[in-house]
Amino acid sequence: MTGRRPRRPVSGVLLLDKPVGWTSNAALQAVKHLYQAAKAGHTGSLDPLASGLLPICLGEATKLSGFLLNADKGYRFTCRLGVTTTTGDAEGEVVAVRPVGPLSRESMEAALRRFVGAIRQIPPMYSALKHNGQPLYKLARKGMEVERAPREVTVRELHLLRLDDEEFECELRCSKGTYVRTLATDLGEILGCGAHVTALRRTVVEPYDAARMVTLESLREWAEQGLAVLDTKLLPSDSAVTQWPAVRSGGGCRLLLTAGPAGAGAARAFPRLGTFVPG
């Protein structure tokens, strides 16, 4: 009988480039296994259709994952015009096909400007939000639809990158809780032809961007060279909260938080030898 693989108390943040087709949890478990980490968590799910930045927190860094959950996000996404689906993306069933009329770059940019700022979105049925304890997507798979209260989110930037006859690509910066699929669906209705997301890539989870992302394939190659090599790919735990002031002390101080919004009155504590200690 073989025992379980030993786990170790490794800490840090890995910026994973999640591949298309993987759930966020499957990607998390793969990273946890490679690092032989005792504790791990991700900082906000990406749909299987989506790729891109998925920060994985290991060890002590998991105590700061909530701040990344609340952080602004950035995406690049591609939409198909003229087709509406049940899920708002290419994984759903087609429910309507409409002609796409002449559409200039100027008219598309004017339509996009209507979504910049504070907007209200009705969450999609195919989402992980819960209704009476049941995830909405499970109800949707049973053919059920329930009323969902609109939620206010903030679109900080929305830029048109490309416009073809029946397809366009955009870059987005937004607050937490923004559904790109809902944005695409609502935009399609304003244009009068419908739309759905065909590709989605997350590029930003503040304060991180895509520059230091690593792939699962690269992680597997580094794992063959040993755990010490893997550990060099981790960012420090406090990289998630670099906007907080640093407090250094020779004593055993810990992370200090005061009442207020997340992160308000917080400081990074470094008791001894410059080692960050989350509270």
Protein backbone atom coordinates (compact mmCIF):
# COMPACT_ATOMS: atom_id res chain seq x y z
CA MET A 1 0.00 0.00 0.00
CA THR A 2 1.46 3.36 -1.03
CA GLY A 3 0.98 6.48 1.07
CA ARG A 4 -0.21 9.82 -0.10
CA ARG A 5 2.27 12.08 -1.81
CA PRO A 6 3.94 14.30 0.82
CA ARG A 7 2.82 17.93 0.90
CA ARG A 8 5.02 20.87 1.78
CA PRO A 9 4.34 24.35 3.17
CA VAL A 10 5.38 26.28 0.06
CA SER A 11 4.02 29.84 -0.23
CA GLY A 12 3.75 32.33 -3.09
CA VAL A 13 1.67 33.36 -6.08
CA LEU A 14 1.84 31.66 -9.48
CA LEU A 15 0.47 33.50 -12.50
CA LEU A 16 -0.95 30.63 -14.52
CA ASP A 17 -1.97 30.91 -18.16
CA LYS A 18 -5.07 28.71 -17.94
CA PRO A 19 -5.63 26.80 -21.18
CA VAL A 20 -8.94 26.67 -23.03
CA GLY A 21 -11.02 23.63 -22.09
CA TRP A 22 -9.86 23.44 -18.48
CA THR A 23 -11.98 24.38 -15.49
CA SER A 24 -10.30 26.73 -13.02
CA ASN A 25 -10.45 24.04 -10.34
CA ALA A 26 -8.78 21.45 -12.57
CA ALA A 27 -5.98 23.92 -13.30
CA LEU A 28 -5.65 24.67 -9.59
CA GLN A 29 -5.36 20.98 -8.70
CA ALA A 30 -2.73 20.44 -11.41
CA VAL A 31 -0.58 23.27 -10.01
CA LYS A 32 -1.07 22.09 -6.43
CA HIS A 33 0.03 18.59 -7.42
CA LEU A 34 3.15 19.78 -9.27
CA TYR A 35 4.23 21.96 -6.34
CA GLN A 36 3.28 19.29 -3.76
CA ALA A 37 1.65 22.17 -1.93
CA ALA A 38 -0.20 21.65 1.33
CA LYS A 39 -2.58 24.51 0.61
CA ALA A 40 -3.68 26.22 -2.61
CA GLY A 41 -6.50 28.34 -3.97
CA HIS A 42 -7.31 30.36 -7.08
CA THR A 43 -8.56 33.91 -7.17
CA GLY A 44 -11.67 33.89 -9.33
CA SER A 45 -12.93 31.32 -11.81
CA LEU A 46 -12.49 31.44 -15.56
CA ASP A 47 -15.00 29.58 -17.73
CA PRO A 48 -13.61 26.52 -19.57
CA LEU A 49 -13.98 28.50 -22.83
CA ALA A 50 -11.68 31.22 -21.45
CA SER A 51 -7.90 31.25 -21.26
CA GLY A 52 -5.40 33.50 -19.59
CA LEU A 53 -4.43 34.88 -16.23
CA LEU A 54 -5.45 32.76 -13.24
CA PRO A 55 -3.41 33.68 -10.14
CA ILE A 56 -2.85 30.61 -7.96
CA CYS A 57 -2.12 31.30 -4.30
CA LEU A 58 -0.05 28.74 -2.40
CA GLY A 59 0.37 28.41 1.35
CA GLU A 60 0.32 31.72 3.24
CA ALA A 61 -0.67 33.58 0.07
CA THR A 62 -4.14 32.01 0.25
CA LYS A 63 -4.89 34.43 3.10
CA LEU A 64 -4.74 37.25 0.56
CA SER A 65 -6.79 35.63 -2.21
CA GLY A 66 -9.89 37.60 -1.23
CA PHE A 67 -8.19 40.84 -2.22
CA LEU A 68 -7.52 39.45 -5.69
CA LEU A 69 -11.13 38.26 -5.96
CA ASN A 70 -12.21 41.87 -5.45
CA ALA A 71 -9.63 43.32 -7.84
CA ASP A 72 -10.30 44.86 -11.24
CA LYS A 73 -9.89 42.55 -14.21
CA GLY A 74 -8.83 42.94 -17.84
CA TYR A 75 -9.91 40.87 -20.86
CA ARG A 76 -9.60 40.55 -24.60
CA PHE A 77 -12.61 38.96 -26.22
CA THR A 78 -13.99 38.14 -29.65
CA CYS A 79 -17.69 38.10 -30.54
CA ARG A 80 -19.72 36.73 -33.41
CA LEU A 81 -22.52 39.00 -34.58
CA GLY A 82 -25.90 37.74 -35.76
CA VAL A 83 -26.08 34.65 -33.53
CA THR A 84 -27.48 34.40 -29.99
CA THR A 85 -26.86 31.35 -27.79
CA THR A 86 -28.28 29.99 -24.54
CA THR A 87 -25.04 30.64 -22.66
CA GLY A 88 -23.88 33.85 -24.33
CA ASP A 89 -20.83 32.05 -25.70
CA ALA A 90 -19.89 29.44 -28.27
CA GLU A 91 -20.59 26.53 -25.89
CA GLY A 92 -24.33 27.15 -25.84
CA GLU A 93 -27.10 26.16 -28.23
CA VAL A 94 -28.09 28.62 -30.92
CA VAL A 95 -31.44 30.24 -30.09
CA ALA A 96 -31.61 32.95 -32.76
CA VAL A 97 -29.94 33.87 -36.03
CA ARG A 98 -30.46 37.37 -37.41
CA PRO A 99 -28.98 39.30 -40.31
CA VAL A 100 -26.14 41.69 -39.60
CA GLY A 101 -26.70 45.02 -41.28
CA PRO A 102 -24.02 47.46 -42.40
CA LEU A 103 -21.92 48.37 -39.37
CA SER A 104 -19.19 51.00 -39.41
CA ARG A 105 -16.39 51.30 -36.92
CA GLU A 106 -17.85 54.62 -35.77
CA SER A 107 -21.28 53.13 -35.04
CA MET A 108 -19.74 50.17 -33.21
CA GLU A 109 -17.59 52.45 -31.06
CA ALA A 110 -20.66 54.56 -30.29
CA ALA A 111 -22.51 51.43 -29.14
CA LEU A 112 -19.55 50.36 -26.99
CA ARG A 113 -19.43 53.76 -25.27
CA ARG A 114 -22.90 53.08 -23.88
CA PHE A 115 -21.36 50.36 -21.70
CA VAL A 116 -18.54 52.43 -20.20
CA GLY A 117 -18.97 53.53 -16.60
CA ALA A 118 -21.35 52.16 -13.99
CA ILE A 119 -23.81 49.77 -15.66
CA ARG A 120 -26.34 47.20 -14.48
CA GLN A 121 -26.13 43.59 -15.64
CA ILE A 122 -28.52 40.70 -15.16
CA PRO A 123 -26.29 37.69 -14.41
CA PRO A 124 -26.60 34.86 -16.94
CA MET A 125 -28.42 31.67 -16.02
CA TYR A 126 -25.29 29.75 -16.93
CA SER A 127 -23.26 31.06 -13.99
CA ALA A 128 -22.10 29.84 -10.58
CA LEU A 129 -24.36 32.24 -8.70
CA LYS A 130 -26.85 30.46 -6.47
CA HIS A 131 -30.64 30.56 -6.18
CA ASN A 132 -32.02 28.94 -3.02
CA GLY A 133 -28.71 27.12 -2.58
CA GLN A 134 -28.59 25.79 -6.16
CA PRO A 135 -26.06 27.03 -8.73
CA LEU A 136 -27.88 28.77 -11.57
CA TYR A 137 -26.12 26.69 -14.21
CA LYS A 138 -27.61 23.49 -12.74
CA LEU A 139 -31.10 24.98 -13.00
CA ALA A 140 -30.38 26.13 -16.54
CA ARG A 141 -29.33 22.63 -17.57
CA LYS A 142 -32.76 21.45 -16.42
CA GLY A 143 -34.39 24.01 -18.68
CA MET A 144 -35.34 26.26 -15.79
CA GLU A 145 -35.00 30.03 -15.67
CA VAL A 146 -35.39 32.08 -12.51
CA GLU A 147 -35.50 35.81 -11.93
CA ARG A 148 -32.10 37.36 -11.24
CA ALA A 149 -31.63 40.77 -9.71
CA PRO A 150 -29.52 43.21 -11.76
CA ARG A 151 -26.06 43.92 -10.38
CA GLU A 152 -24.09 47.12 -10.75
CA VAL A 153 -20.59 46.77 -12.17
CA THR A 154 -18.13 49.29 -13.56
CA VAL A 155 -16.60 49.16 -17.03
CA ARG A 156 -13.52 51.35 -16.86
CA GLU A 157 -12.33 50.91 -20.44
CA LEU A 158 -13.81 49.23 -23.50
CA HIS A 159 -11.88 49.54 -26.76
CA LEU A 160 -12.63 48.15 -30.19
CA LEU A 161 -9.58 46.38 -31.60
CA ARG A 162 -11.01 44.85 -34.76
CA LEU A 163 -14.27 44.84 -36.72
CA ASP A 164 -14.96 42.47 -39.60
CA ASP A 165 -18.24 41.71 -41.35
CA GLU A 166 -19.68 39.47 -38.61
CA GLU A 167 -17.00 39.49 -35.94
CA PHE A 168 -15.32 41.99 -33.65
CA GLU A 169 -12.64 41.99 -30.97
CA CYS A 170 -12.44 44.23 -27.89
CA GLU A 171 -10.22 44.99 -24.92
CA LEU A 172 -11.93 45.50 -21.56
CA ARG A 173 -11.00 46.72 -18.07
CA CYS A 174 -13.74 46.26 -15.49
CA SER A 175 -14.64 45.74 -11.86
CA LYS A 176 -15.15 42.37 -10.25
CA GLY A 177 -18.41 40.60 -11.09
CA THR A 178 -18.58 41.82 -14.69
CA TYR A 179 -19.89 39.16 -17.08
CA VAL A 180 -18.32 39.49 -20.52
CA ARG A 181 -20.96 37.14 -21.95
CA THR A 182 -23.73 39.43 -20.70
CA LEU A 183 -21.91 42.45 -22.09
CA ALA A 184 -21.73 40.78 -25.51
CA THR A 185 -25.39 39.72 -25.39
CA ASP A 186 -26.57 43.19 -24.37
CA LEU A 187 -24.42 44.82 -27.04
CA GLY A 188 -25.86 42.48 -29.66
CA GLU A 189 -29.38 43.56 -28.70
CA ILE A 190 -28.48 47.24 -29.02
CA LEU A 191 -27.08 46.52 -32.48
CA GLY A 192 -30.28 44.64 -33.34
CA CYS A 193 -28.58 41.46 -34.55
CA GLY A 194 -27.54 39.57 -31.43
CA ALA A 195 -24.04 38.44 -30.50
CA HIS A 196 -22.12 35.88 -28.47
CA VAL A 197 -18.56 35.43 -27.22
CA THR A 198 -16.37 33.10 -29.28
CA ALA A 199 -13.05 33.69 -27.51
CA LEU A 200 -12.16 35.16 -24.12
CA ARG A 201 -8.74 35.74 -22.59
CA ARG A 202 -8.06 37.35 -19.23
CA THR A 203 -5.01 39.58 -19.31
CA VAL A 204 -5.18 41.44 -15.98
CA VAL A 205 -6.02 40.68 -12.36
CA GLU A 206 -4.77 43.77 -10.59
CA PRO A 207 -1.98 44.17 -9.67
CA TYR A 208 -0.89 41.40 -12.06
CA ASP A 209 -0.78 41.39 -15.85
CA ALA A 210 0.01 38.78 -18.48
CA ALA A 211 3.74 39.48 -18.73
CA ARG A 212 4.76 36.85 -16.14
CA MET A 213 2.21 34.15 -16.89
CA VAL A 214 3.44 30.56 -17.19
CA THR A 215 1.80 27.61 -18.90
CA LEU A 216 1.04 24.18 -17.50
CA GLU A 217 3.36 22.68 -20.11
CA SER A 218 6.25 24.81 -18.87
CA LEU A 219 5.47 23.93 -15.25
CA ARG A 220 5.60 20.23 -16.06
CA GLU A 221 9.01 20.67 -17.72
CA TRP A 222 10.36 22.64 -14.74
CA ALA A 223 8.93 20.05 -12.33
CA GLU A 224 11.18 17.44 -13.94
CA GLN A 225 14.15 19.61 -12.92
CA GLY A 226 13.05 19.64 -9.29
CA LEU A 227 10.97 21.61 -6.83
CA ALA A 228 13.68 24.23 -6.37
CA VAL A 229 13.32 25.20 -10.03
CA LEU A 230 9.53 25.35 -9.73
CA ASP A 231 9.78 27.60 -6.69
CA THR A 232 11.69 30.22 -8.68
CA LYS A 233 8.53 30.80 -10.72
CA LEU A 234 6.55 31.95 -7.67
CA LEU A 235 6.01 35.61 -6.86
CA PRO A 236 6.19 36.70 -3.21
CA SER A 237 2.94 36.42 -1.27
CA ASP A 238 2.82 40.16 -0.66
CA SER A 239 2.99 40.88 -4.41
CA ALA A 240 -0.82 40.69 -4.25
CA VAL A 241 -0.95 43.77 -2.02
CA THR A 242 1.97 45.93 -3.14
CA GLN A 243 -0.25 49.01 -2.79
CA TRP A 244 -0.15 48.55 1.01
CA PRO A 245 2.64 50.27 2.94
CA ALA A 246 5.37 48.05 4.36
CA VAL A 247 5.93 47.91 8.12
CA ARG A 248 9.20 46.39 9.30
CA SER A 249 9.80 45.39 12.89
CA GLY A 250 12.19 43.31 14.90
CA GLY A 251 9.30 41.92 16.92
CA GLY A 252 6.60 39.42 16.07
CA CYS A 253 4.10 41.82 14.51
CA ARG A 254 1.54 40.51 12.07
CA LEU A 255 -0.62 41.96 9.31
CA LEU A 256 -2.64 44.85 10.67
CA LEU A 257 -6.15 45.60 9.45
CA THR A 258 -8.54 48.33 10.54
CA ALA A 259 -12.25 48.64 9.93
CA GLY A 260 -13.31 49.83 6.51
CA PRO A 261 -13.28 48.64 2.88
CA ALA A 262 -11.06 45.71 1.94
CA GLY A 263 -7.46 46.76 2.31
CA ALA A 264 -8.25 50.08 4.03
CA GLY A 265 -5.80 50.78 6.83
CA ALA A 266 -3.79 47.64 5.97
CA ALA A 267 -0.04 47.24 6.00
CA ARG A 268 2.42 44.55 4.99
CA ALA A 269 4.27 43.31 8.07
CA PHE A 270 7.86 42.07 7.84
CA PRO A 271 8.96 40.75 11.23
CA ARG A 272 12.61 39.69 11.01
CA LEU A 273 14.77 39.19 7.95
CA GLY A 274 12.29 40.86 5.57
CA THR A 275 9.89 37.92 5.48
CA PHE A 276 6.28 38.86 4.83
CA VAL A 277 3.76 37.47 7.31
CA PRO A 278 0.04 37.57 6.39
CA GLY A 279 -2.38 37.86 9.29
